[in-house]
Amino acid sequence: MSKESVFQVIKESIVDILPEISTNQIEIALSLQDLGANSIDRMDIIIRSMESLGVKIPLVELARVSNIQGLVDLFYERARA
């Protein structure tokens, strides 16, 4: 699994939860909040992405992530472990 494929999974989750967002609006440097996701939307996106990737990450670690790039990096590391 590559970081690009992790990014694709996250993008699919974002579009599923926030249908008003298209995939071409999603940039890796943005945060979920930048895309208009409220706290419930953000958790739904994260949980859906983790389930799709088959990873489990404690909430404490997720709290340190500030943007989509951080999610990609964290999910990628866990998927490889």
PDB file of N, CA and C in Angstrom:
ATOM      1  N   MET A   1       0.843  -1.185   0.000  1.00  0.00           N
ATOM      2  CA  MET A   1       0.000   0.000   0.000  1.00  0.00           C
ATOM      3  C   MET A   1       0.888   1.248   0.000  1.00  0.00           C
ATOM      4  N   SER A   2       0.559   2.194  -0.856  1.00  0.00           N
ATOM      5  CA  SER A   2       1.326   3.430  -0.961  1.00  0.00           C
ATOM      6  C   SER A   2       0.607   4.566  -0.232  1.00  0.00           C
ATOM      7  N   LYS A   3       1.346   5.655  -0.025  1.00  0.00           N
ATOM      8  CA  LYS A   3       0.715   6.826   0.590  1.00  0.00           C
ATOM      9  C   LYS A   3      -0.379   7.378  -0.314  1.00  0.00           C
ATOM     10  N   GLU A   4      -0.179   7.263  -1.616  1.00  0.00           N
ATOM     11  CA  GLU A   4      -1.195   7.744  -2.554  1.00  0.00           C
ATOM     12  C   GLU A   4      -2.491   6.939  -2.418  1.00  0.00           C
ATOM     13  N   SER A   5      -2.374   5.627  -2.222  1.00  0.00           N
ATOM     14  CA  SER A   5      -3.592   4.822  -2.058  1.00  0.00           C
ATOM     15  C   SER A   5      -4.280   5.134  -0.727  1.00  0.00           C
ATOM     16  N   VAL A   6      -3.511   5.445   0.321  1.00  0.00           N
ATOM     17  CA  VAL A   6      -4.088   5.869   1.593  1.00  0.00           C
ATOM     18  C   VAL A   6      -4.833   7.190   1.396  1.00  0.00           C
ATOM     19  N   PHE A   7      -4.220   8.112   0.659  1.00  0.00           N
ATOM     20  CA  PHE A   7      -4.848   9.404   0.366  1.00  0.00           C
ATOM     21  C   PHE A   7      -6.163   9.193  -0.391  1.00  0.00           C
ATOM     22  N   GLN A   8      -6.182   8.248  -1.324  1.00  0.00           N
ATOM     23  CA  GLN A   8      -7.406   7.969  -2.086  1.00  0.00           C
ATOM     24  C   GLN A   8      -8.517   7.461  -1.176  1.00  0.00           C
ATOM     25  N   VAL A   9      -8.186   6.592  -0.225  1.00  0.00           N
ATOM     26  CA  VAL A   9      -9.182   6.079   0.716  1.00  0.00           C
ATOM     27  C   VAL A   9      -9.756   7.226   1.542  1.00  0.00           C
ATOM     28  N   ILE A  10      -8.883   8.108   2.013  1.00  0.00           N
ATOM     29  CA  ILE A  10      -9.344   9.256   2.808  1.00  0.00           C
ATOM     30  C   ILE A  10     -10.230  10.161   1.961  1.00  0.00           C
ATOM     31  N   LYS A  11      -9.838  10.408   0.714  1.00  0.00           N
ATOM     32  CA  LYS A  11     -10.655  11.246  -0.174  1.00  0.00           C
ATOM     33  C   LYS A  11     -12.038  10.633  -0.395  1.00  0.00           C
ATOM     34  N   GLU A  12     -12.092   9.321  -0.591  1.00  0.00           N
ATOM     35  CA  GLU A  12     -13.387   8.660  -0.775  1.00  0.00           C
ATOM     36  C   GLU A  12     -14.257   8.814   0.474  1.00  0.00           C
ATOM     37  N   SER A  13     -13.647   8.695   1.636  1.00  0.00           N
ATOM     38  CA  SER A  13     -14.392   8.866   2.881  1.00  0.00           C
ATOM     39  C   SER A  13     -14.911  10.287   3.021  1.00  0.00           C
ATOM     40  N   ILE A  14     -14.094  11.259   2.652  1.00  0.00           N
ATOM     41  CA  ILE A  14     -14.508  12.667   2.728  1.00  0.00           C
ATOM     42  C   ILE A  14     -15.712  12.912   1.828  1.00  0.00           C
ATOM     43  N   VAL A  15     -15.651  12.418   0.594  1.00  0.00           N
ATOM     44  CA  VAL A  15     -16.740  12.635  -0.362  1.00  0.00           C
ATOM     45  C   VAL A  15     -18.016  11.917   0.092  1.00  0.00           C
ATOM     46  N   ASP A  16     -17.865  10.743   0.730  1.00  0.00           N
ATOM     47  CA  ASP A  16     -19.040  10.027   1.240  1.00  0.00           C
ATOM     48  C   ASP A  16     -19.717  10.811   2.366  1.00  0.00           C
ATOM     49  N   ILE A  17     -18.923  11.397   3.248  1.00  0.00           N
ATOM     50  CA  ILE A  17     -19.468  12.109   4.410  1.00  0.00           C
ATOM     51  C   ILE A  17     -19.862  13.547   4.049  1.00  0.00           C
ATOM     52  N   LEU A  18     -19.101  14.160   3.165  1.00  0.00           N
ATOM     53  CA  LEU A  18     -19.369  15.543   2.741  1.00  0.00           C
ATOM     54  C   LEU A  18     -19.644  15.563   1.233  1.00  0.00           C
ATOM     55  N   PRO A  19     -20.852  15.182   0.818  1.00  0.00           N
ATOM     56  CA  PRO A  19     -21.136  15.060  -0.623  1.00  0.00           C
ATOM     57  C   PRO A  19     -21.022  16.370  -1.409  1.00  0.00           C
ATOM     58  N   GLU A  20     -21.030  17.498  -0.715  1.00  0.00           N
ATOM     59  CA  GLU A  20     -20.889  18.781  -1.427  1.00  0.00           C
ATOM     60  C   GLU A  20     -19.442  19.045  -1.849  1.00  0.00           C
ATOM     61  N   ILE A  21     -18.513  18.214  -1.369  1.00  0.00           N
ATOM     62  CA  ILE A  21     -17.092  18.348  -1.710  1.00  0.00           C
ATOM     63  C   ILE A  21     -16.771  17.366  -2.829  1.00  0.00           C
ATOM     64  N   SER A  22     -16.082  17.839  -3.863  1.00  0.00           N
ATOM     65  CA  SER A  22     -15.634  16.933  -4.926  1.00  0.00           C
ATOM     66  C   SER A  22     -14.169  16.563  -4.678  1.00  0.00           C
ATOM     67  N   THR A  23     -13.757  15.454  -5.252  1.00  0.00           N
ATOM     68  CA  THR A  23     -12.393  14.970  -4.996  1.00  0.00           C
ATOM     69  C   THR A  23     -11.330  15.963  -5.446  1.00  0.00           C
ATOM     70  N   ASN A  24     -11.613  16.755  -6.473  1.00  0.00           N
ATOM     71  CA  ASN A  24     -10.594  17.706  -6.934  1.00  0.00           C
ATOM     72  C   ASN A  24     -10.445  18.908  -6.003  1.00  0.00           C
ATOM     73  N   GLN A  25     -11.340  19.077  -5.046  1.00  0.00           N
ATOM     74  CA  GLN A  25     -11.223  20.144  -4.047  1.00  0.00           C
ATOM     75  C   GLN A  25     -10.350  19.724  -2.871  1.00  0.00           C
ATOM     76  N   ILE A  26     -10.082  18.441  -2.759  1.00  0.00           N
ATOM     77  CA  ILE A  26      -9.366  17.909  -1.599  1.00  0.00           C
ATOM     78  C   ILE A  26      -7.865  17.949  -1.858  1.00  0.00           C
ATOM     79  N   GLU A  27      -7.190  18.797  -1.098  1.00  0.00           N
ATOM     80  CA  GLU A  27      -5.735  18.912  -1.191  1.00  0.00           C
ATOM     81  C   GLU A  27      -5.127  18.373   0.088  1.00  0.00           C
ATOM     82  N   ILE A  28      -3.989  17.720  -0.045  1.00  0.00           N
ATOM     83  CA  ILE A  28      -3.375  17.030   1.081  1.00  0.00           C
ATOM     84  C   ILE A  28      -2.951  17.978   2.205  1.00  0.00           C
ATOM     85  N   ALA A  29      -2.708  19.243   1.895  1.00  0.00           N
ATOM     86  CA  ALA A  29      -2.273  20.204   2.912  1.00  0.00           C
ATOM     87  C   ALA A  29      -3.445  20.774   3.721  1.00  0.00           C
ATOM     88  N   LEU A  30      -4.672  20.555   3.260  1.00  0.00           N
ATOM     89  CA  LEU A  30      -5.842  21.078   3.967  1.00  0.00           C
ATOM     90  C   LEU A  30      -6.179  20.219   5.179  1.00  0.00           C
ATOM     91  N   SER A  31      -6.886  20.814   6.109  1.00  0.00           N
ATOM     92  CA  SER A  31      -7.428  20.035   7.231  1.00  0.00           C
ATOM     93  C   SER A  31      -8.864  19.678   6.883  1.00  0.00           C
ATOM     94  N   LEU A  32      -9.413  18.718   7.610  1.00  0.00           N
ATOM     95  CA  LEU A  32     -10.818  18.365   7.404  1.00  0.00           C
ATOM     96  C   LEU A  32     -11.710  19.548   7.743  1.00  0.00           C
ATOM     97  N   GLN A  33     -11.301  20.318   8.715  1.00  0.00           N
ATOM     98  CA  GLN A  33     -12.054  21.513   9.098  1.00  0.00           C
ATOM     99  C   GLN A  33     -12.058  22.532   7.958  1.00  0.00           C
ATOM    100  N   ASP A  34     -10.933  22.661   7.245  1.00  0.00           N
ATOM    101  CA  ASP A  34     -10.864  23.565   6.087  1.00  0.00           C
ATOM    102  C   ASP A  34     -11.907  23.193   5.030  1.00  0.00           C
ATOM    103  N   LEU A  35     -12.232  21.908   4.961  1.00  0.00           N
ATOM    104  CA  LEU A  35     -13.207  21.433   3.978  1.00  0.00           C
ATOM    105  C   LEU A  35     -14.647  21.570   4.463  1.00  0.00           C
ATOM    106  N   GLY A  36     -14.815  22.066   5.698  1.00  0.00           N
ATOM    107  CA  GLY A  36     -16.149  22.296   6.234  1.00  0.00           C
ATOM    108  C   GLY A  36     -16.680  21.165   7.092  1.00  0.00           C
ATOM    109  N   ALA A  37     -15.818  20.231   7.475  1.00  0.00           N
ATOM    110  CA  ALA A  37     -16.253  19.108   8.302  1.00  0.00           C
ATOM    111  C   ALA A  37     -16.356  19.544   9.764  1.00  0.00           C
ATOM    112  N   ASN A  38     -17.506  19.285  10.376  1.00  0.00           N
ATOM    113  CA  ASN A  38     -17.638  19.560  11.808  1.00  0.00           C
ATOM    114  C   ASN A  38     -17.014  18.391  12.584  1.00  0.00           C
ATOM    115  N   SER A  39     -17.062  18.425  13.891  1.00  0.00           N
ATOM    116  CA  SER A  39     -16.383  17.403  14.692  1.00  0.00           C
ATOM    117  C   SER A  39     -16.949  16.002  14.447  1.00  0.00           C
ATOM    118  N   ILE A  40     -18.248  15.888  14.258  1.00  0.00           N
ATOM    119  CA  ILE A  40     -18.850  14.576  13.992  1.00  0.00           C
ATOM    120  C   ILE A  40     -18.444  14.085  12.611  1.00  0.00           C
ATOM    121  N   ASP A  41     -18.470  14.976  11.627  1.00  0.00           N
ATOM    122  CA  ASP A  41     -18.025  14.615  10.275  1.00  0.00           C
ATOM    123  C   ASP A  41     -16.582  14.126  10.299  1.00  0.00           C
ATOM    124  N   ARG A  42     -15.730  14.834  11.040  1.00  0.00           N
ATOM    125  CA  ARG A  42     -14.306  14.461  11.094  1.00  0.00           C
ATOM    126  C   ARG A  42     -14.136  13.067  11.673  1.00  0.00           C
ATOM    127  N   MET A  43     -14.858  12.761  12.738  1.00  0.00           N
ATOM    128  CA  MET A  43     -14.753  11.418  13.326  1.00  0.00           C
ATOM    129  C   MET A  43     -15.285  10.363  12.365  1.00  0.00           C
ATOM    130  N   ASP A  44     -16.391  10.664  11.680  1.00  0.00           N
ATOM    131  CA  ASP A  44     -16.939   9.712  10.705  1.00  0.00           C
ATOM    132  C   ASP A  44     -15.930   9.433   9.589  1.00  0.00           C
ATOM    133  N   ILE A  45     -15.293  10.480   9.096  1.00  0.00           N
ATOM    134  CA  ILE A  45     -14.294  10.327   8.026  1.00  0.00           C
ATOM    135  C   ILE A  45     -13.120   9.484   8.520  1.00  0.00           C
ATOM    136  N   ILE A  46     -12.639   9.781   9.711  1.00  0.00           N
ATOM    137  CA  ILE A  46     -11.492   9.059  10.267  1.00  0.00           C
ATOM    138  C   ILE A  46     -11.845   7.593  10.517  1.00  0.00           C
ATOM    139  N   ILE A  47     -12.999   7.336  11.118  1.00  0.00           N
ATOM    140  CA  ILE A  47     -13.402   5.957  11.410  1.00  0.00           C
ATOM    141  C   ILE A  47     -13.603   5.174  10.119  1.00  0.00           C
ATOM    142  N   ARG A  48     -14.264   5.778   9.154  1.00  0.00           N
ATOM    143  CA  ARG A  48     -14.492   5.102   7.871  1.00  0.00           C
ATOM    144  C   ARG A  48     -13.168   4.796   7.176  1.00  0.00           C
ATOM    145  N   SER A  49     -12.239   5.727   7.222  1.00  0.00           N
ATOM    146  CA  SER A  49     -10.925   5.513   6.601  1.00  0.00           C
ATOM    147  C   SER A  49     -10.164   4.400   7.316  1.00  0.00           C
ATOM    148  N   MET A  50     -10.185   4.419   8.649  1.00  0.00           N
ATOM    149  CA  MET A  50      -9.486   3.377   9.408  1.00  0.00           C
ATOM    150  C   MET A  50     -10.077   2.004   9.101  1.00  0.00           C
ATOM    151  N   GLU A  51     -11.400   1.908   9.024  1.00  0.00           N
ATOM    152  CA  GLU A  51     -12.035   0.628   8.712  1.00  0.00           C
ATOM    153  C   GLU A  51     -11.653   0.158   7.316  1.00  0.00           C
ATOM    154  N   SER A  52     -11.642   1.063   6.358  1.00  0.00           N
ATOM    155  CA  SER A  52     -11.277   0.707   4.981  1.00  0.00           C
ATOM    156  C   SER A  52      -9.832   0.225   4.889  1.00  0.00           C
ATOM    157  N   LEU A  53      -8.970   0.828   5.695  1.00  0.00           N
ATOM    158  CA  LEU A  53      -7.544   0.478   5.664  1.00  0.00           C
ATOM    159  C   LEU A  53      -7.189  -0.652   6.623  1.00  0.00           C
ATOM    160  N   GLY A  54      -8.127  -1.007   7.497  1.00  0.00           N
ATOM    161  CA  GLY A  54      -7.870  -2.072   8.457  1.00  0.00           C
ATOM    162  C   GLY A  54      -6.878  -1.691   9.540  1.00  0.00           C
ATOM    163  N   VAL A  55      -6.911  -0.425   9.968  1.00  0.00           N
ATOM    164  CA  VAL A  55      -6.005   0.038  11.025  1.00  0.00           C
ATOM    165  C   VAL A  55      -6.818   0.540  12.212  1.00  0.00           C
ATOM    166  N   LYS A  56      -6.184   0.483  13.385  1.00  0.00           N
ATOM    167  CA  LYS A  56      -6.788   1.034  14.607  1.00  0.00           C
ATOM    168  C   LYS A  56      -5.762   1.977  15.221  1.00  0.00           C
ATOM    169  N   ILE A  57      -6.212   3.180  15.511  1.00  0.00           N
ATOM    170  CA  ILE A  57      -5.323   4.205  16.054  1.00  0.00           C
ATOM    171  C   ILE A  57      -6.006   4.840  17.259  1.00  0.00           C
ATOM    172  N   PRO A  58      -5.300   4.925  18.393  1.00  0.00           N
ATOM    173  CA  PRO A  58      -5.891   5.578  19.571  1.00  0.00           C
ATOM    174  C   PRO A  58      -6.194   7.051  19.301  1.00  0.00           C
ATOM    175  N   LEU A  59      -7.265   7.539  19.908  1.00  0.00           N
ATOM    176  CA  LEU A  59      -7.669   8.937  19.721  1.00  0.00           C
ATOM    177  C   LEU A  59      -6.565   9.910  20.118  1.00  0.00           C
ATOM    178  N   VAL A  60      -5.757   9.536  21.090  1.00  0.00           N
ATOM    179  CA  VAL A  60      -4.667  10.411  21.537  1.00  0.00           C
ATOM    180  C   VAL A  60      -3.718  10.712  20.377  1.00  0.00           C
ATOM    181  N   GLU A  61      -3.414   9.704  19.580  1.00  0.00           N
ATOM    182  CA  GLU A  61      -2.516   9.907  18.437  1.00  0.00           C
ATOM    183  C   GLU A  61      -3.186  10.744  17.350  1.00  0.00           C
ATOM    184  N   LEU A  62      -4.475  10.551  17.160  1.00  0.00           N
ATOM    185  CA  LEU A  62      -5.193  11.315  16.136  1.00  0.00           C
ATOM    186  C   LEU A  62      -5.273  12.791  16.499  1.00  0.00           C
ATOM    187  N   ALA A  63      -5.276  13.093  17.777  1.00  0.00           N
ATOM    188  CA  ALA A  63      -5.364  14.491  18.223  1.00  0.00           C
ATOM    189  C   ALA A  63      -4.157  15.306  17.783  1.00  0.00           C
ATOM    190  N   ARG A  64      -3.053  14.652  17.514  1.00  0.00           N
ATOM    191  CA  ARG A  64      -1.829  15.359  17.103  1.00  0.00           C
ATOM    192  C   ARG A  64      -1.806  15.699  15.614  1.00  0.00           C
ATOM    193  N   VAL A  65      -2.745  15.155  14.863  1.00  0.00           N
ATOM    194  CA  VAL A  65      -2.788  15.344  13.417  1.00  0.00           C
ATOM    195  C   VAL A  65      -3.500  16.655  13.098  1.00  0.00           C
ATOM    196  N   SER A  66      -2.866  17.480  12.260  1.00  0.00           N
ATOM    197  CA  SER A  66      -3.457  18.784  11.973  1.00  0.00           C
ATOM    198  C   SER A  66      -4.025  18.923  10.558  1.00  0.00           C
ATOM    199  N   ASN A  67      -3.664  18.000   9.668  1.00  0.00           N
ATOM    200  CA  ASN A  67      -4.174  18.099   8.298  1.00  0.00           C
ATOM    201  C   ASN A  67      -4.257  16.714   7.653  1.00  0.00           C
ATOM    202  N   ILE A  68      -4.700  16.666   6.410  1.00  0.00           N
ATOM    203  CA  ILE A  68      -4.865  15.397   5.716  1.00  0.00           C
ATOM    204  C   ILE A  68      -3.520  14.704   5.534  1.00  0.00           C
ATOM    205  N   GLN A  69      -2.463  15.457   5.292  1.00  0.00           N
ATOM    206  CA  GLN A  69      -1.125  14.863   5.171  1.00  0.00           C
ATOM    207  C   GLN A  69      -0.767  14.083   6.435  1.00  0.00           C
ATOM    208  N   GLY A  70      -1.086  14.635   7.591  1.00  0.00           N
ATOM    209  CA  GLY A  70      -0.825  13.948   8.849  1.00  0.00           C
ATOM    210  C   GLY A  70      -1.605  12.648   8.962  1.00  0.00           C
ATOM    211  N   LEU A  71      -2.855  12.662   8.500  1.00  0.00           N
ATOM    212  CA  LEU A  71      -3.651  11.429   8.497  1.00  0.00           C
ATOM    213  C   LEU A  71      -3.048  10.391   7.572  1.00  0.00           C
ATOM    214  N   VAL A  72      -2.663  10.828   6.379  1.00  0.00           N
ATOM    215  CA  VAL A  72      -2.051   9.911   5.409  1.00  0.00           C
ATOM    216  C   VAL A  72      -0.808   9.267   6.020  1.00  0.00           C
ATOM    217  N   ASP A  73       0.063  10.080   6.600  1.00  0.00           N
ATOM    218  CA  ASP A  73       1.298   9.561   7.184  1.00  0.00           C
ATOM    219  C   ASP A  73       1.016   8.573   8.310  1.00  0.00           C
ATOM    220  N   LEU A  74       0.101   8.929   9.202  1.00  0.00           N
ATOM    221  CA  LEU A  74      -0.214   8.075  10.344  1.00  0.00           C
ATOM    222  C   LEU A  74      -0.860   6.766   9.892  1.00  0.00           C
ATOM    223  N   PHE A  75      -1.843   6.843   8.995  1.00  0.00           N
ATOM    224  CA  PHE A  75      -2.500   5.636   8.501  1.00  0.00           C
ATOM    225  C   PHE A  75      -1.523   4.750   7.735  1.00  0.00           C
ATOM    226  N   TYR A  76      -0.656   5.366   6.954  1.00  0.00           N
ATOM    227  CA  TYR A  76       0.342   4.609   6.179  1.00  0.00           C
ATOM    228  C   TYR A  76       1.284   3.841   7.103  1.00  0.00           C
ATOM    229  N   GLU A  77       1.769   4.526   8.139  1.00  0.00           N
ATOM    230  CA  GLU A  77       2.665   3.867   9.095  1.00  0.00           C
ATOM    231  C   GLU A  77       1.973   2.679   9.762  1.00  0.00           C
ATOM    232  N   ARG A  78       0.730   2.868  10.178  1.00  0.00           N
ATOM    233  CA  ARG A  78      -0.005   1.796  10.866  1.00  0.00           C
ATOM    234  C   ARG A  78      -0.347   0.649   9.912  1.00  0.00           C
ATOM    235  N   ALA A  79      -0.656   0.952   8.671  1.00  0.00           N
ATOM    236  CA  ALA A  79      -0.999  -0.093   7.702  1.00  0.00           C
ATOM    237  C   ALA A  79       0.222  -0.959   7.400  1.00  0.00           C
ATOM    238  N   ARG A  80       1.389  -0.373   7.453  1.00  0.00           N
ATOM    239  CA  ARG A  80       2.634  -1.121   7.191  1.00  0.00           C
ATOM    240  C   ARG A  80       3.065  -1.955   8.382  1.00  0.00           C
ATOM    241  N   ALA A  81       2.655  -1.576   9.584  1.00  0.00           N
ATOM    242  CA  ALA A  81       3.115  -2.262  10.806  1.00  0.00           C
ATOM    243  C   ALA A  81       2.485  -3.627  10.985  1.00  0.00           C
TER     244      ALA A  81
END
